[in-house]
Structures are given as C-alpha cells and as structure tokens.
Amino acid sequence: MTLYFSEAVAPVVLRHPPLEPLAAPAEPFLTLLIPAYNEAARLGSTLQRVCAYLNGQDYASEVLVIDDGSTDGTAALATTCLASHGGRVAGSVITYQPNRGKGSAVRRGLLAARGAVAIFSDADLSTPITELPKVLGPIVAGSHDVVFGSRILDPGLLGVRQPLLRQLSGRVFNLLARVATGLPYADTQCGFKAFRMGVCRPVAAGAVLDRFGFDVELLSLAHRAGLRLLEQPVAWNDVAGSKVSLLAGLHGFRELHQLRRRARRGYYDEVMRRVRAAVGAATGGMGLAA
C-alpha cells in the first residue's frame, strides 16, 4: 500500500458570526457517548463514575453506550449498570453486529444524541470525566462549535504515559494527518471531543470513516466548513488494554489517504452546504461569512 500526500486539502475559509451562549433548558442538555467494544471488564466502573459525576451537575444529561459488535456481554452489562446507577441521568445502549469500528460507533451515537452538546469519551476514561468542563465550557459560552482534548499542548497534565513506540507512531500519524488535511492541531486522536450538535450534526451525517482515521475526518470536515474549533489541553493517563492494534494503526494511514482523495473529488461538498445551512439557522440567517 502506497500513500501519497503531496499537498494538503485547502480549507474553505469561512467563519460564522458568534452564537448566543447555550442555556440548559433542553432535556437532556448534554449527551455523553461511550463507544465500546468488548469492554465488559471495565465498563461497569466507568459508568458508575460517569453517572455519579453527571448526577452532581445542574443540567440534564444522558449517557449513550454504543456497543460496537461486542461478544463479551458489554451491552447487557451497560444496560444493567445504567439502570442501577443512572439516577436522574437518562441512559440507553445502542448495539449491533458485527464490529464496524470506533468511527462507526461514534457516528451512530452523535446522530442519536438528543443533547444540545454531545461529547464522546473512551470507555477506559483515560481522560477523567472531571475534565468535561474544559471541552463543554467554550461551547456553552458560544465561542466554539467543536472542542477537543489534547495530550500534547500541556505535557504536565499527562500521568501514565504511553509506551514509547505508541507515542512515536501517534506523532507520525498526526504529522501525516496535518499534511493530508491542513489541520493545524497538535493532537487529533485524543478520545475526548465535544460538539455543538445544532451545527455539527451534518458533519456527523456526512462522515464515512469507520476506524482509526475517523477523528481526523470529523475535525477536517468541521474545519473546512468554517466551524470554530478549539484544541484544549486535558489530563490523560494511558490505561492497559487498548484496542488500538498495529493493524488498526496501519489502517488509519490508509484512511487518511481515503479522506484526502474524497475531499479532492468533492465527496464532502454536500456536507459543507448542509453545515452552512445549519449555521444560518442557528445565527438567524446571517450564515457563514468569508
């Protein structure tokens, strides 16, 4: 397999007027998505911590677990745990077969989210749930549409670090992602991202990558559409049991090539149009400005 990244896909230089800060009347206001594949061993403790945290907030929320074709009883465990610990947090499980990849799971979750803001988090809580205000706050304030965690911007926030080989492969992948897409961000792969769904739903609907390259695709589409993105340093710890294999990493490089090719062939043009329409509706018809 040979990948060619001779030049980046140029972003569409569009920006939209400021949006009003989000109030919290919606039921729910926040949707927390947890994609899961064979996570029965640790998902119970994760859901207990997530529900305890969200029950302590003054906004309504829901937790969606997206079971990506697990074979170890992940869906049943999630259903039981949400019923036992949910409290006033609404909880539900989306499950399907066969396994399709984390990108597919996150995309399904985003499209099923009822909250004004949707955040996805890894099932291992490598970024602690207490970091949630860092990605939620700028969206609530009305200053940004997509806010995503970064392990690179403030190394002092890192606890347990990845093995050196994984660190190096991640840096190489991120470098190629920047070359292929023009994204200016240091870390596209941290599994802690928040979306203002009123303008980001067309991005989720138009994305197609199912595996390691899905984060880059979501961020690239939002960036090219002129949405306001913010990379935010967050605490992070490596947790044993990662599902990211060498094969998955190699497939991610292939997906970068697919993303660039699709962008150059106009595959995502309709996504751009739908995002502009969504922004226009959210800003009272002012739409995107050059």
Protein backbone atom coordinates (compact mmCIF):
# COMPACT_ATOMS: atom_id res chain seq x y z
CA MET A 1 0.00 0.00 0.00
CA THR A 2 1.49 3.33 -1.06
CA LEU A 3 0.20 6.63 0.32
CA TYR A 4 0.80 9.94 -1.40
CA PHE A 5 0.38 13.25 0.45
CA SER A 6 1.87 15.75 -1.94
CA GLU A 7 -0.22 18.67 -0.78
CA ALA A 8 -2.87 19.39 1.80
CA VAL A 9 -6.53 19.88 1.01
CA ALA A 10 -7.07 23.60 1.31
CA PRO A 11 -9.68 24.61 3.91
CA VAL A 12 -12.72 26.57 2.90
CA VAL A 13 -12.12 29.94 4.55
CA LEU A 14 -15.49 30.64 6.07
CA ARG A 15 -16.41 31.80 9.52
CA HIS A 16 -19.77 32.34 11.09
CA PRO A 17 -20.96 35.08 13.47
CA PRO A 18 -20.88 34.38 17.21
CA LEU A 19 -23.69 32.24 18.54
CA GLU A 20 -25.58 33.02 21.70
CA PRO A 21 -24.31 31.19 24.81
CA LEU A 22 -26.17 27.95 25.37
CA ALA A 23 -28.68 27.85 28.18
CA ALA A 24 -29.69 24.47 29.57
CA PRO A 25 -33.45 24.06 29.06
CA ALA A 26 -33.16 21.09 26.73
CA GLU A 27 -33.95 17.62 28.02
CA PRO A 28 -31.26 16.46 28.00
CA PHE A 29 -28.76 19.29 27.61
CA LEU A 30 -25.70 17.06 27.36
CA THR A 31 -25.24 13.67 25.72
CA LEU A 32 -22.18 11.68 26.76
CA LEU A 33 -21.25 8.98 24.24
CA ILE A 34 -19.16 5.97 25.17
CA PRO A 35 -18.22 3.73 22.23
CA ALA A 36 -17.40 0.24 23.50
CA TYR A 37 -16.02 -2.95 22.01
CA ASN A 38 -15.59 -5.91 24.38
CA GLU A 39 -15.39 -3.60 27.40
CA ALA A 40 -17.33 -5.74 29.92
CA ALA A 41 -14.31 -5.96 32.23
CA ARG A 42 -14.08 -2.21 32.91
CA LEU A 43 -17.23 -0.55 31.61
CA GLY A 44 -19.12 -1.04 34.88
CA SER A 45 -16.73 1.09 36.91
CA THR A 46 -16.61 3.67 34.12
CA LEU A 47 -20.39 4.05 34.07
CA GLN A 48 -20.54 4.32 37.86
CA ARG A 49 -18.05 7.20 37.80
CA VAL A 50 -19.73 8.89 34.84
CA CYS A 51 -23.21 8.70 36.34
CA ALA A 52 -22.00 9.90 39.75
CA TYR A 53 -20.38 12.92 38.13
CA LEU A 54 -23.31 13.82 35.86
CA ASN A 55 -25.83 13.42 38.67
CA GLY A 56 -23.92 16.13 40.51
CA GLN A 57 -24.34 18.67 37.70
CA ASP A 58 -27.18 21.17 37.41
CA TYR A 59 -28.07 20.28 33.81
CA ALA A 60 -29.98 17.31 32.45
CA SER A 61 -27.90 14.69 30.69
CA GLU A 62 -27.98 11.32 29.03
CA VAL A 63 -25.39 8.59 28.55
CA LEU A 64 -25.37 6.54 25.37
CA VAL A 65 -23.23 3.43 25.25
CA ILE A 66 -22.65 2.31 21.67
CA ASP A 67 -21.80 -1.38 21.68
CA ASP A 68 -19.76 -1.93 18.53
CA GLY A 69 -20.37 -5.63 17.93
CA SER A 70 -19.03 -6.90 21.26
CA THR A 71 -19.02 -10.61 22.06
CA ASP A 72 -18.41 -10.42 25.82
CA GLY A 73 -21.75 -9.15 27.13
CA THR A 74 -20.85 -5.46 27.00
CA ALA A 75 -24.38 -4.40 26.01
CA ALA A 76 -26.08 -6.37 28.79
CA LEU A 77 -23.64 -5.07 31.39
CA ALA A 78 -24.13 -1.48 30.22
CA THR A 79 -27.92 -1.81 30.36
CA THR A 80 -27.80 -3.19 33.91
CA CYS A 81 -25.30 -0.61 35.13
CA LEU A 82 -27.19 2.35 33.69
CA ALA A 83 -30.39 1.11 35.30
CA SER A 84 -28.65 0.71 38.67
CA HIS A 85 -26.55 3.88 38.77
CA GLY A 86 -28.22 6.25 36.33
CA GLY A 87 -30.18 8.23 38.89
CA ARG A 88 -31.59 11.25 37.07
CA VAL A 89 -29.22 10.66 34.16
CA ALA A 90 -31.03 9.06 31.24
CA GLY A 91 -29.21 6.05 29.85
CA SER A 92 -29.53 3.83 26.82
CA VAL A 93 -27.50 1.32 24.83
CA ILE A 94 -27.17 1.08 21.06
CA THR A 95 -25.95 -2.34 19.97
CA TYR A 96 -25.36 -4.01 16.63
CA GLN A 97 -23.38 -6.75 14.93
CA PRO A 98 -20.79 -7.15 13.57
CA ASN A 99 -17.99 -4.90 14.81
CA ARG A 100 -17.61 -1.93 12.46
CA GLY A 101 -15.05 0.25 14.20
CA LYS A 102 -14.96 3.12 16.69
CA GLY A 103 -15.72 5.69 13.99
CA SER A 104 -18.96 3.95 13.12
CA ALA A 105 -19.91 3.75 16.80
CA VAL A 106 -19.21 7.44 17.45
CA ARG A 107 -21.08 8.49 14.32
CA ARG A 108 -24.15 6.46 15.32
CA GLY A 109 -24.00 7.97 18.77
CA LEU A 110 -23.73 11.54 17.51
CA LEU A 111 -26.72 11.06 15.23
CA ALA A 112 -28.76 9.52 18.07
CA ALA A 113 -27.78 12.21 20.61
CA ARG A 114 -30.64 14.32 21.98
CA GLY A 115 -28.49 16.84 23.79
CA ALA A 116 -27.58 20.32 22.57
CA VAL A 117 -23.97 19.26 23.17
CA ALA A 118 -22.58 15.76 22.58
CA ILE A 119 -19.25 14.60 23.98
CA PHE A 120 -17.61 11.28 23.33
CA SER A 121 -15.22 9.66 25.76
CA ASP A 122 -13.20 6.47 25.67
CA ALA A 123 -14.57 3.60 27.73
CA ASP A 124 -11.40 3.47 29.83
CA LEU A 125 -11.78 7.12 30.94
CA SER A 126 -8.16 7.79 30.02
CA THR A 127 -9.27 11.42 30.21
CA PRO A 128 -11.07 11.66 33.57
CA ILE A 129 -14.72 12.63 33.43
CA THR A 130 -13.88 15.58 35.72
CA GLU A 131 -12.14 17.18 32.72
CA LEU A 132 -15.52 17.56 31.00
CA PRO A 133 -15.89 21.34 31.76
CA LYS A 134 -12.77 22.02 29.68
CA VAL A 135 -14.47 20.86 26.49
CA LEU A 136 -18.04 21.80 27.43
CA GLY A 137 -17.40 25.34 28.68
CA PRO A 138 -16.34 27.03 25.41
CA ILE A 139 -19.36 25.58 23.60
CA VAL A 140 -21.75 26.70 26.34
CA ALA A 141 -20.18 30.17 26.22
CA GLY A 142 -20.93 30.39 22.49
CA SER A 143 -17.32 30.89 21.42
CA HIS A 144 -16.71 27.48 19.77
CA ASP A 145 -18.54 24.68 17.99
CA VAL A 146 -16.07 21.81 18.45
CA VAL A 147 -13.71 21.48 21.40
CA PHE A 148 -11.37 18.52 21.69
CA GLY A 149 -8.88 17.30 24.24
CA SER A 150 -5.15 17.37 23.59
CA ARG A 151 -2.39 15.32 25.22
CA ILE A 152 0.32 17.42 23.57
CA LEU A 153 -0.36 21.05 24.46
CA ASP A 154 0.43 20.64 28.17
CA PRO A 155 2.63 17.62 28.89
CA GLY A 156 2.39 18.44 32.60
CA LEU A 157 -1.18 17.13 32.57
CA LEU A 158 -0.08 13.66 31.50
CA GLY A 159 0.02 10.98 34.15
CA VAL A 160 0.79 7.45 32.94
CA ARG A 161 2.33 7.81 29.50
CA GLN A 162 2.00 5.50 26.51
CA PRO A 163 4.85 3.15 25.62
CA LEU A 164 7.45 4.96 23.53
CA LEU A 165 6.60 3.10 20.31
CA ARG A 166 2.94 4.12 20.55
CA GLN A 167 3.94 7.71 21.28
CA LEU A 168 6.15 7.81 18.20
CA SER A 169 3.59 6.16 15.92
CA GLY A 170 0.95 8.60 17.15
CA ARG A 171 3.20 11.57 16.38
CA VAL A 172 3.88 10.24 12.88
CA PHE A 173 0.17 9.70 12.28
CA ASN A 174 -0.69 13.20 13.45
CA LEU A 175 2.02 14.70 11.23
CA LEU A 176 0.64 12.89 8.18
CA ALA A 177 -2.89 13.94 9.15
CA ARG A 178 -1.79 17.59 9.17
CA VAL A 179 -0.08 17.22 5.80
CA ALA A 180 -3.08 15.45 4.27
CA THR A 181 -5.78 17.79 5.58
CA GLY A 182 -4.21 21.12 6.51
CA LEU A 183 -5.41 20.77 10.11
CA PRO A 184 -3.22 22.93 12.37
CA TYR A 185 -3.72 20.90 15.55
CA ALA A 186 -1.15 19.03 17.64
CA ASP A 187 -3.34 16.08 18.69
CA THR A 188 -6.29 14.81 16.66
CA GLN A 189 -6.58 11.39 18.31
CA CYS A 190 -7.39 12.07 21.96
CA GLY A 191 -10.72 10.38 22.65
CA PHE A 192 -12.42 13.35 24.33
CA LYS A 193 -14.31 15.60 21.91
CA ALA A 194 -17.35 17.87 22.24
CA PHE A 195 -19.74 19.07 19.54
CA ARG A 196 -22.42 21.74 19.35
CA MET A 197 -24.97 19.50 17.70
CA GLY A 198 -27.06 22.27 16.16
CA VAL A 199 -24.28 22.92 13.64
CA CYS A 200 -22.28 19.67 13.85
CA ARG A 201 -25.00 17.15 13.05
CA PRO A 202 -24.37 17.49 9.27
CA VAL A 203 -20.68 16.76 9.91
CA ALA A 204 -21.53 13.51 11.68
CA ALA A 205 -24.06 12.59 9.00
CA GLY A 206 -21.55 13.15 6.20
CA ALA A 207 -18.58 11.34 7.73
CA VAL A 208 -17.82 7.82 6.46
CA LEU A 209 -14.55 6.58 8.00
CA ASP A 210 -15.11 3.78 10.49
CA ARG A 211 -11.78 3.20 12.15
CA PHE A 212 -8.62 4.98 13.24
CA GLY A 213 -8.98 7.90 10.84
CA PHE A 214 -12.46 8.94 11.96
CA ASP A 215 -11.29 11.66 14.38
CA VAL A 216 -9.32 13.35 11.63
CA GLU A 217 -12.30 13.18 9.29
CA LEU A 218 -14.67 14.80 11.79
CA LEU A 219 -12.22 17.57 12.63
CA SER A 220 -11.29 18.11 8.99
CA LEU A 221 -14.91 18.45 7.89
CA ALA A 222 -15.69 20.88 10.71
CA HIS A 223 -12.56 22.90 9.95
CA ARG A 224 -13.21 23.07 6.19
CA ALA A 225 -16.83 24.06 6.81
CA GLY A 226 -15.70 27.10 8.81
CA LEU A 227 -16.83 25.93 12.23
CA ARG A 228 -14.90 27.20 15.23
CA LEU A 229 -12.57 24.56 16.66
CA LEU A 230 -10.56 24.66 19.88
CA GLU A 231 -7.83 22.24 20.95
CA GLN A 232 -7.84 22.12 24.73
CA PRO A 233 -5.16 20.55 26.98
CA VAL A 234 -6.63 17.86 29.25
CA ALA A 235 -5.39 15.39 31.82
CA TRP A 236 -4.75 11.95 30.38
CA ASN A 237 -3.46 8.56 31.52
CA ASP A 238 -2.57 5.52 29.46
CA VAL A 239 -4.75 2.59 30.50
CA ALA A 240 -3.78 -1.03 29.83
CA GLY A 241 -5.99 -2.94 27.42
CA SER A 242 -6.05 -0.56 24.46
CA LYS A 243 -7.95 -1.84 21.42
CA VAL A 244 -5.62 0.04 19.05
CA SER A 245 -3.54 -2.67 17.37
CA LEU A 246 -0.72 -2.33 14.86
CA LEU A 247 -3.16 -3.34 12.13
CA ALA A 248 -5.62 -0.66 13.23
CA GLY A 249 -2.85 1.92 13.08
CA LEU A 250 -1.86 0.88 9.57
CA HIS A 251 -5.49 1.04 8.51
CA GLY A 252 -5.56 4.60 9.86
CA PHE A 253 -2.88 5.65 7.38
CA ARG A 254 -4.98 4.16 4.60
CA GLU A 255 -7.99 6.12 5.82
CA LEU A 256 -6.00 9.36 5.68
CA HIS A 257 -5.40 8.66 2.02
CA GLN A 258 -9.11 7.94 1.50
CA LEU A 259 -10.04 11.17 3.29
CA ARG A 260 -7.77 13.30 1.14
CA ARG A 261 -8.96 11.63 -2.07
CA ARG A 262 -12.63 12.06 -1.14
CA ALA A 263 -12.09 15.73 -0.31
CA ARG A 264 -10.31 16.45 -3.60
CA ARG A 265 -13.06 14.71 -5.57
CA GLY A 266 -15.81 16.79 -3.96
CA TYR A 267 -17.31 13.95 -1.95
CA TYR A 268 -17.83 16.23 1.06
CA ASP A 269 -19.21 19.26 -0.78
CA GLU A 270 -22.77 18.47 0.27
CA VAL A 271 -21.63 18.32 3.90
CA MET A 272 -20.27 21.86 3.55
CA ARG A 273 -23.61 23.07 2.18
CA ARG A 274 -25.56 21.46 5.00
CA VAL A 275 -23.27 22.89 7.66
CA ARG A 276 -23.72 26.38 6.20
CA ALA A 277 -27.47 25.92 6.28
CA ALA A 278 -27.32 24.78 9.90
CA VAL A 279 -25.17 27.75 10.87
CA GLY A 280 -27.54 30.07 9.05
CA ALA A 281 -30.46 28.68 11.04
CA ALA A 282 -28.52 28.99 14.30
CA THR A 283 -27.44 32.59 13.64
CA GLY A 284 -30.80 33.85 12.49
CA GLY A 285 -29.99 33.68 8.79
CA MET A 286 -26.65 35.54 8.96
CA GLY A 287 -24.88 32.37 7.81
CA LEU A 288 -21.17 31.96 7.16
CA ALA A 289 -19.04 34.96 6.34
CA ALA A 290 -15.77 34.98 4.40
